[in-house]
Amino acid sequence: LAGVLFGLFFALGVVIQPLSGAAYD
């Protein structure tokens, strides 16, 4: 279960990273 939450944490970054970059622009 700890591994599942760790994977969830990074999985959301697939959306958060591009949106953060676009927001910075």
PDB file of all heavy atoms in Angstrom:
ATOM      1  N   LEU A   1       0.829  -1.214   0.000  1.00  0.00           N
ATOM      2  CA  LEU A   1       0.000   0.000   0.000  1.00  0.00           C
ATOM      3  C   LEU A   1       0.861   1.262   0.000  1.00  0.00           C
ATOM      4  O   LEU A   1       0.513   2.264  -0.638  1.00  0.00           O
ATOM      5  CB  LEU A   1      -0.930  -0.001   1.212  1.00  0.00           C
ATOM      6  CG  LEU A   1      -2.078  -1.025   1.173  1.00  0.00           C
ATOM      7  CD1 LEU A   1      -2.911  -0.928   2.447  1.00  0.00           C
ATOM      8  CD2 LEU A   1      -2.945  -0.814  -0.056  1.00  0.00           C
ATOM      9  N   ALA A   2       1.982   1.219   0.723  1.00  0.00           N
ATOM     10  CA  ALA A   2       2.897   2.368   0.697  1.00  0.00           C
ATOM     11  C   ALA A   2       3.415   2.601  -0.714  1.00  0.00           C
ATOM     12  O   ALA A   2       3.519   3.745  -1.181  1.00  0.00           O
ATOM     13  CB  ALA A   2       4.059   2.141   1.666  1.00  0.00           C
ATOM     14  N   GLY A   3       3.709   1.517  -1.426  1.00  0.00           N
ATOM     15  CA  GLY A   3       4.159   1.638  -2.813  1.00  0.00           C
ATOM     16  C   GLY A   3       3.086   2.197  -3.723  1.00  0.00           C
ATOM     17  O   GLY A   3       3.368   2.975  -4.640  1.00  0.00           O
ATOM     18  N   VAL A   4       1.831   1.829  -3.465  1.00  0.00           N
ATOM     19  CA  VAL A   4       0.716   2.356  -4.256  1.00  0.00           C
ATOM     20  C   VAL A   4       0.611   3.868  -4.091  1.00  0.00           C
ATOM     21  O   VAL A   4       0.465   4.611  -5.074  1.00  0.00           O
ATOM     22  CB  VAL A   4      -0.609   1.683  -3.842  1.00  0.00           C
ATOM     23  CG1 VAL A   4      -1.805   2.433  -4.432  1.00  0.00           C
ATOM     24  CG2 VAL A   4      -0.626   0.223  -4.286  1.00  0.00           C
ATOM     25  N   LEU A   5       0.696   4.351  -2.851  1.00  0.00           N
ATOM     26  CA  LEU A   5       0.602   5.800  -2.614  1.00  0.00           C
ATOM     27  C   LEU A   5       1.818   6.530  -3.170  1.00  0.00           C
ATOM     28  O   LEU A   5       1.698   7.653  -3.679  1.00  0.00           O
ATOM     29  CB  LEU A   5       0.452   6.076  -1.117  1.00  0.00           C
ATOM     30  CG  LEU A   5      -0.853   5.614  -0.478  1.00  0.00           C
ATOM     31  CD1 LEU A   5      -0.953   6.120   0.962  1.00  0.00           C
ATOM     32  CD2 LEU A   5      -2.064   6.073  -1.286  1.00  0.00           C
ATOM     33  N   PHE A   6       2.979   5.919  -3.094  1.00  0.00           N
ATOM     34  CA  PHE A   6       4.186   6.519  -3.662  1.00  0.00           C
ATOM     35  C   PHE A   6       4.034   6.638  -5.178  1.00  0.00           C
ATOM     36  O   PHE A   6       4.385   7.657  -5.770  1.00  0.00           O
ATOM     37  CB  PHE A   6       5.393   5.656  -3.306  1.00  0.00           C
ATOM     38  CG  PHE A   6       6.722   6.345  -3.478  1.00  0.00           C
ATOM     39  CD1 PHE A   6       6.995   7.559  -2.863  1.00  0.00           C
ATOM     40  CD2 PHE A   6       7.733   5.753  -4.238  1.00  0.00           C
ATOM     41  CE1 PHE A   6       8.226   8.177  -3.002  1.00  0.00           C
ATOM     42  CE2 PHE A   6       8.966   6.365  -4.383  1.00  0.00           C
ATOM     43  CZ  PHE A   6       9.219   7.576  -3.767  1.00  0.00           C
ATOM     44  N   GLY A   7       3.483   5.598  -5.819  1.00  0.00           N
ATOM     45  CA  GLY A   7       3.246   5.653  -7.250  1.00  0.00           C
ATOM     46  C   GLY A   7       2.196   6.692  -7.611  1.00  0.00           C
ATOM     47  O   GLY A   7       2.326   7.405  -8.606  1.00  0.00           O
ATOM     48  N   LEU A   8       1.142   6.805  -6.769  1.00  0.00           N
ATOM     49  CA  LEU A   8       0.113   7.820  -7.005  1.00  0.00           C
ATOM     50  C   LEU A   8       0.707   9.222  -6.951  1.00  0.00           C
ATOM     51  O   LEU A   8       0.381  10.082  -7.783  1.00  0.00           O
ATOM     52  CB  LEU A   8      -0.993   7.679  -5.954  1.00  0.00           C
ATOM     53  CG  LEU A   8      -2.074   8.767  -5.945  1.00  0.00           C
ATOM     54  CD1 LEU A   8      -2.876   8.738  -7.234  1.00  0.00           C
ATOM     55  CD2 LEU A   8      -2.995   8.607  -4.731  1.00  0.00           C
ATOM     56  N   PHE A   9       1.569   9.463  -5.985  1.00  0.00           N
ATOM     57  CA  PHE A   9       2.224  10.761  -5.830  1.00  0.00           C
ATOM     58  C   PHE A   9       2.895  11.186  -7.139  1.00  0.00           C
ATOM     59  O   PHE A   9       2.696  12.299  -7.639  1.00  0.00           O
ATOM     60  CB  PHE A   9       3.250  10.677  -4.702  1.00  0.00           C
ATOM     61  CG  PHE A   9       4.121  11.893  -4.546  1.00  0.00           C
ATOM     62  CD1 PHE A   9       3.660  13.010  -3.865  1.00  0.00           C
ATOM     63  CD2 PHE A   9       5.410  11.914  -5.060  1.00  0.00           C
ATOM     64  CE1 PHE A   9       4.469  14.136  -3.712  1.00  0.00           C
ATOM     65  CE2 PHE A   9       6.218  13.024  -4.912  1.00  0.00           C
ATOM     66  CZ  PHE A   9       5.748  14.134  -4.236  1.00  0.00           C
ATOM     67  N   PHE A  10       3.667  10.285  -7.738  1.00  0.00           N
ATOM     68  CA  PHE A  10       4.387  10.629  -8.956  1.00  0.00           C
ATOM     69  C   PHE A  10       3.497  10.585 -10.193  1.00  0.00           C
ATOM     70  O   PHE A  10       3.730  11.325 -11.150  1.00  0.00           O
ATOM     71  CB  PHE A  10       5.586   9.698  -9.125  1.00  0.00           C
ATOM     72  CG  PHE A  10       6.710  10.004  -8.184  1.00  0.00           C
ATOM     73  CD1 PHE A  10       7.062   9.105  -7.186  1.00  0.00           C
ATOM     74  CD2 PHE A  10       7.423  11.183  -8.274  1.00  0.00           C
ATOM     75  CE1 PHE A  10       8.095   9.373  -6.305  1.00  0.00           C
ATOM     76  CE2 PHE A  10       8.460  11.470  -7.406  1.00  0.00           C
ATOM     77  CZ  PHE A  10       8.798  10.570  -6.419  1.00  0.00           C
ATOM     78  N   ALA A  11       2.488   9.715 -10.180  1.00  0.00           N
ATOM     79  CA  ALA A  11       1.596   9.635 -11.340  1.00  0.00           C
ATOM     80  C   ALA A  11       0.910  10.971 -11.595  1.00  0.00           C
ATOM     81  O   ALA A  11       0.741  11.391 -12.745  1.00  0.00           O
ATOM     82  CB  ALA A  11       0.555   8.535 -11.122  1.00  0.00           C
ATOM     83  N   LEU A  12       0.522  11.652 -10.542  1.00  0.00           N
ATOM     84  CA  LEU A  12      -0.144  12.950 -10.694  1.00  0.00           C
ATOM     85  C   LEU A  12       0.797  14.008 -11.270  1.00  0.00           C
ATOM     86  O   LEU A  12       0.360  14.986 -11.865  1.00  0.00           O
ATOM     87  CB  LEU A  12      -0.701  13.413  -9.346  1.00  0.00           C
ATOM     88  CG  LEU A  12      -1.847  12.546  -8.810  1.00  0.00           C
ATOM     89  CD1 LEU A  12      -2.137  12.875  -7.351  1.00  0.00           C
ATOM     90  CD2 LEU A  12      -3.091  12.728  -9.659  1.00  0.00           C
ATOM     91  N   GLY A  13       2.096  13.798 -11.106  1.00  0.00           N
ATOM     92  CA  GLY A  13       3.059  14.735 -11.673  1.00  0.00           C
ATOM     93  C   GLY A  13       3.031  14.783 -13.187  1.00  0.00           C
ATOM     94  O   GLY A  13       3.465  15.773 -13.788  1.00  0.00           O
ATOM     95  N   VAL A  14       2.519  13.718 -13.823  1.00  0.00           N
ATOM     96  CA  VAL A  14       2.422  13.709 -15.284  1.00  0.00           C
ATOM     97  C   VAL A  14       1.548  14.859 -15.758  1.00  0.00           C
ATOM     98  O   VAL A  14       1.754  15.420 -16.838  1.00  0.00           O
ATOM     99  CB  VAL A  14       1.857  12.349 -15.758  1.00  0.00           C
ATOM    100  CG1 VAL A  14       1.656  12.348 -17.264  1.00  0.00           C
ATOM    101  CG2 VAL A  14       2.798  11.218 -15.344  1.00  0.00           C
ATOM    102  N   VAL A  15       0.557  15.246 -14.971  1.00  0.00           N
ATOM    103  CA  VAL A  15      -0.302  16.389 -15.290  1.00  0.00           C
ATOM    104  C   VAL A  15       0.235  17.669 -14.653  1.00  0.00           C
ATOM    105  O   VAL A  15       0.248  18.735 -15.278  1.00  0.00           O
ATOM    106  CB  VAL A  15      -1.750  16.131 -14.826  1.00  0.00           C
ATOM    107  CG1 VAL A  15      -2.608  17.370 -15.022  1.00  0.00           C
ATOM    108  CG2 VAL A  15      -2.346  14.945 -15.574  1.00  0.00           C
ATOM    109  N   ILE A  16       0.704  17.571 -13.411  1.00  0.00           N
ATOM    110  CA  ILE A  16       1.128  18.756 -12.661  1.00  0.00           C
ATOM    111  C   ILE A  16       2.341  19.429 -13.307  1.00  0.00           C
ATOM    112  O   ILE A  16       2.400  20.663 -13.402  1.00  0.00           O
ATOM    113  CB  ILE A  16       1.445  18.372 -11.203  1.00  0.00           C
ATOM    114  CG1 ILE A  16       0.144  18.040 -10.475  1.00  0.00           C
ATOM    115  CG2 ILE A  16       2.195  19.490 -10.478  1.00  0.00           C
ATOM    116  CD1 ILE A  16       0.346  17.409  -9.128  1.00  0.00           C
ATOM    117  N   GLN A  17       3.299  18.646 -13.791  1.00  0.00           N
ATOM    118  CA  GLN A  17       4.506  19.241 -14.367  1.00  0.00           C
ATOM    119  C   GLN A  17       4.216  20.086 -15.609  1.00  0.00           C
ATOM    120  O   GLN A  17       4.636  21.237 -15.681  1.00  0.00           O
ATOM    121  CB  GLN A  17       5.519  18.135 -14.697  1.00  0.00           C
ATOM    122  CG  GLN A  17       6.050  17.390 -13.480  1.00  0.00           C
ATOM    123  CD  GLN A  17       7.268  18.070 -12.868  1.00  0.00           C
ATOM    124  OE1 GLN A  17       7.515  19.250 -13.098  1.00  0.00           O
ATOM    125  NE2 GLN A  17       8.008  17.329 -12.085  1.00  0.00           N
ATOM    126  N   PRO A  18       3.504  19.549 -16.610  1.00  0.00           N
ATOM    127  CA  PRO A  18       3.212  20.401 -17.773  1.00  0.00           C
ATOM    128  C   PRO A  18       2.370  21.625 -17.424  1.00  0.00           C
ATOM    129  O   PRO A  18       2.595  22.715 -17.963  1.00  0.00           O
ATOM    130  CB  PRO A  18       2.443  19.453 -18.716  1.00  0.00           C
ATOM    131  CG  PRO A  18       2.860  18.083 -18.301  1.00  0.00           C
ATOM    132  CD  PRO A  18       3.066  18.157 -16.819  1.00  0.00           C
ATOM    133  N   LEU A  19       1.395  21.455 -16.528  1.00  0.00           N
ATOM    134  CA  LEU A  19       0.568  22.597 -16.142  1.00  0.00           C
ATOM    135  C   LEU A  19       1.383  23.645 -15.393  1.00  0.00           C
ATOM    136  O   LEU A  19       1.183  24.848 -15.583  1.00  0.00           O
ATOM    137  CB  LEU A  19      -0.610  22.132 -15.285  1.00  0.00           C
ATOM    138  CG  LEU A  19      -1.711  21.358 -16.021  1.00  0.00           C
ATOM    139  CD1 LEU A  19      -2.796  20.922 -15.044  1.00  0.00           C
ATOM    140  CD2 LEU A  19      -2.314  22.201 -17.147  1.00  0.00           C
ATOM    141  N   SER A  20       2.314  23.208 -14.546  1.00  0.00           N
ATOM    142  CA  SER A  20       3.182  24.155 -13.837  1.00  0.00           C
ATOM    143  C   SER A  20       4.061  24.914 -14.815  1.00  0.00           C
ATOM    144  O   SER A  20       4.262  26.125 -14.679  1.00  0.00           O
ATOM    145  CB  SER A  20       4.052  23.413 -12.811  1.00  0.00           C
ATOM    146  OG  SER A  20       3.265  22.794 -11.827  1.00  0.00           O
ATOM    147  N   GLY A  21       4.599  24.183 -15.808  1.00  0.00           N
ATOM    148  CA  GLY A  21       5.413  24.846 -16.821  1.00  0.00           C
ATOM    149  C   GLY A  21       4.617  25.847 -17.638  1.00  0.00           C
ATOM    150  O   GLY A  21       5.071  26.970 -17.889  1.00  0.00           O
ATOM    151  N   ALA A  22       3.413  25.461 -18.030  1.00  0.00           N
ATOM    152  CA  ALA A  22       2.560  26.377 -18.789  1.00  0.00           C
ATOM    153  C   ALA A  22       2.161  27.579 -17.943  1.00  0.00           C
ATOM    154  O   ALA A  22       2.104  28.714 -18.432  1.00  0.00           O
ATOM    155  CB  ALA A  22       1.310  25.631 -19.284  1.00  0.00           C
ATOM    156  N   ALA A  23       1.897  27.345 -16.642  1.00  0.00           N
ATOM    157  CA  ALA A  23       1.552  28.449 -15.738  1.00  0.00           C
ATOM    158  C   ALA A  23       2.718  29.414 -15.602  1.00  0.00           C
ATOM    159  O   ALA A  23       2.539  30.640 -15.611  1.00  0.00           O
ATOM    160  CB  ALA A  23       1.149  27.904 -14.371  1.00  0.00           C
ATOM    161  N   TYR A  24       3.927  28.873 -15.507  1.00  0.00           N
ATOM    162  CA  TYR A  24       5.108  29.741 -15.423  1.00  0.00           C
ATOM    163  C   TYR A  24       5.221  30.615 -16.673  1.00  0.00           C
ATOM    164  O   TYR A  24       5.531  31.810 -16.591  1.00  0.00           O
ATOM    165  CB  TYR A  24       6.379  28.909 -15.246  1.00  0.00           C
ATOM    166  CG  TYR A  24       7.625  29.749 -15.358  1.00  0.00           C
ATOM    167  CD1 TYR A  24       8.115  30.444 -14.254  1.00  0.00           C
ATOM    168  CD2 TYR A  24       8.281  29.894 -16.577  1.00  0.00           C
ATOM    169  CE1 TYR A  24       9.232  31.258 -14.362  1.00  0.00           C
ATOM    170  CE2 TYR A  24       9.395  30.712 -16.697  1.00  0.00           C
ATOM    171  CZ  TYR A  24       9.863  31.386 -15.590  1.00  0.00           C
ATOM    172  OH  TYR A  24      10.962  32.202 -15.710  1.00  0.00           O
ATOM    173  N   ASP A  25       5.018  30.000 -17.847  1.00  0.00           N
ATOM    174  CA  ASP A  25       5.103  30.756 -19.098  1.00  0.00           C
ATOM    175  C   ASP A  25       4.135  31.941 -19.112  1.00  0.00           C
ATOM    176  O   ASP A  25       4.393  32.955 -19.754  1.00  0.00           O
ATOM    177  CB  ASP A  25       4.797  29.844 -20.290  1.00  0.00           C
ATOM    178  CG  ASP A  25       5.928  28.875 -20.594  1.00  0.00           C
ATOM    179  OD1 ASP A  25       7.073  29.139 -20.172  1.00  0.00           O
ATOM    180  OD2 ASP A  25       5.661  27.840 -21.239  1.00  0.00           O
TER     181      ASP A  25
END
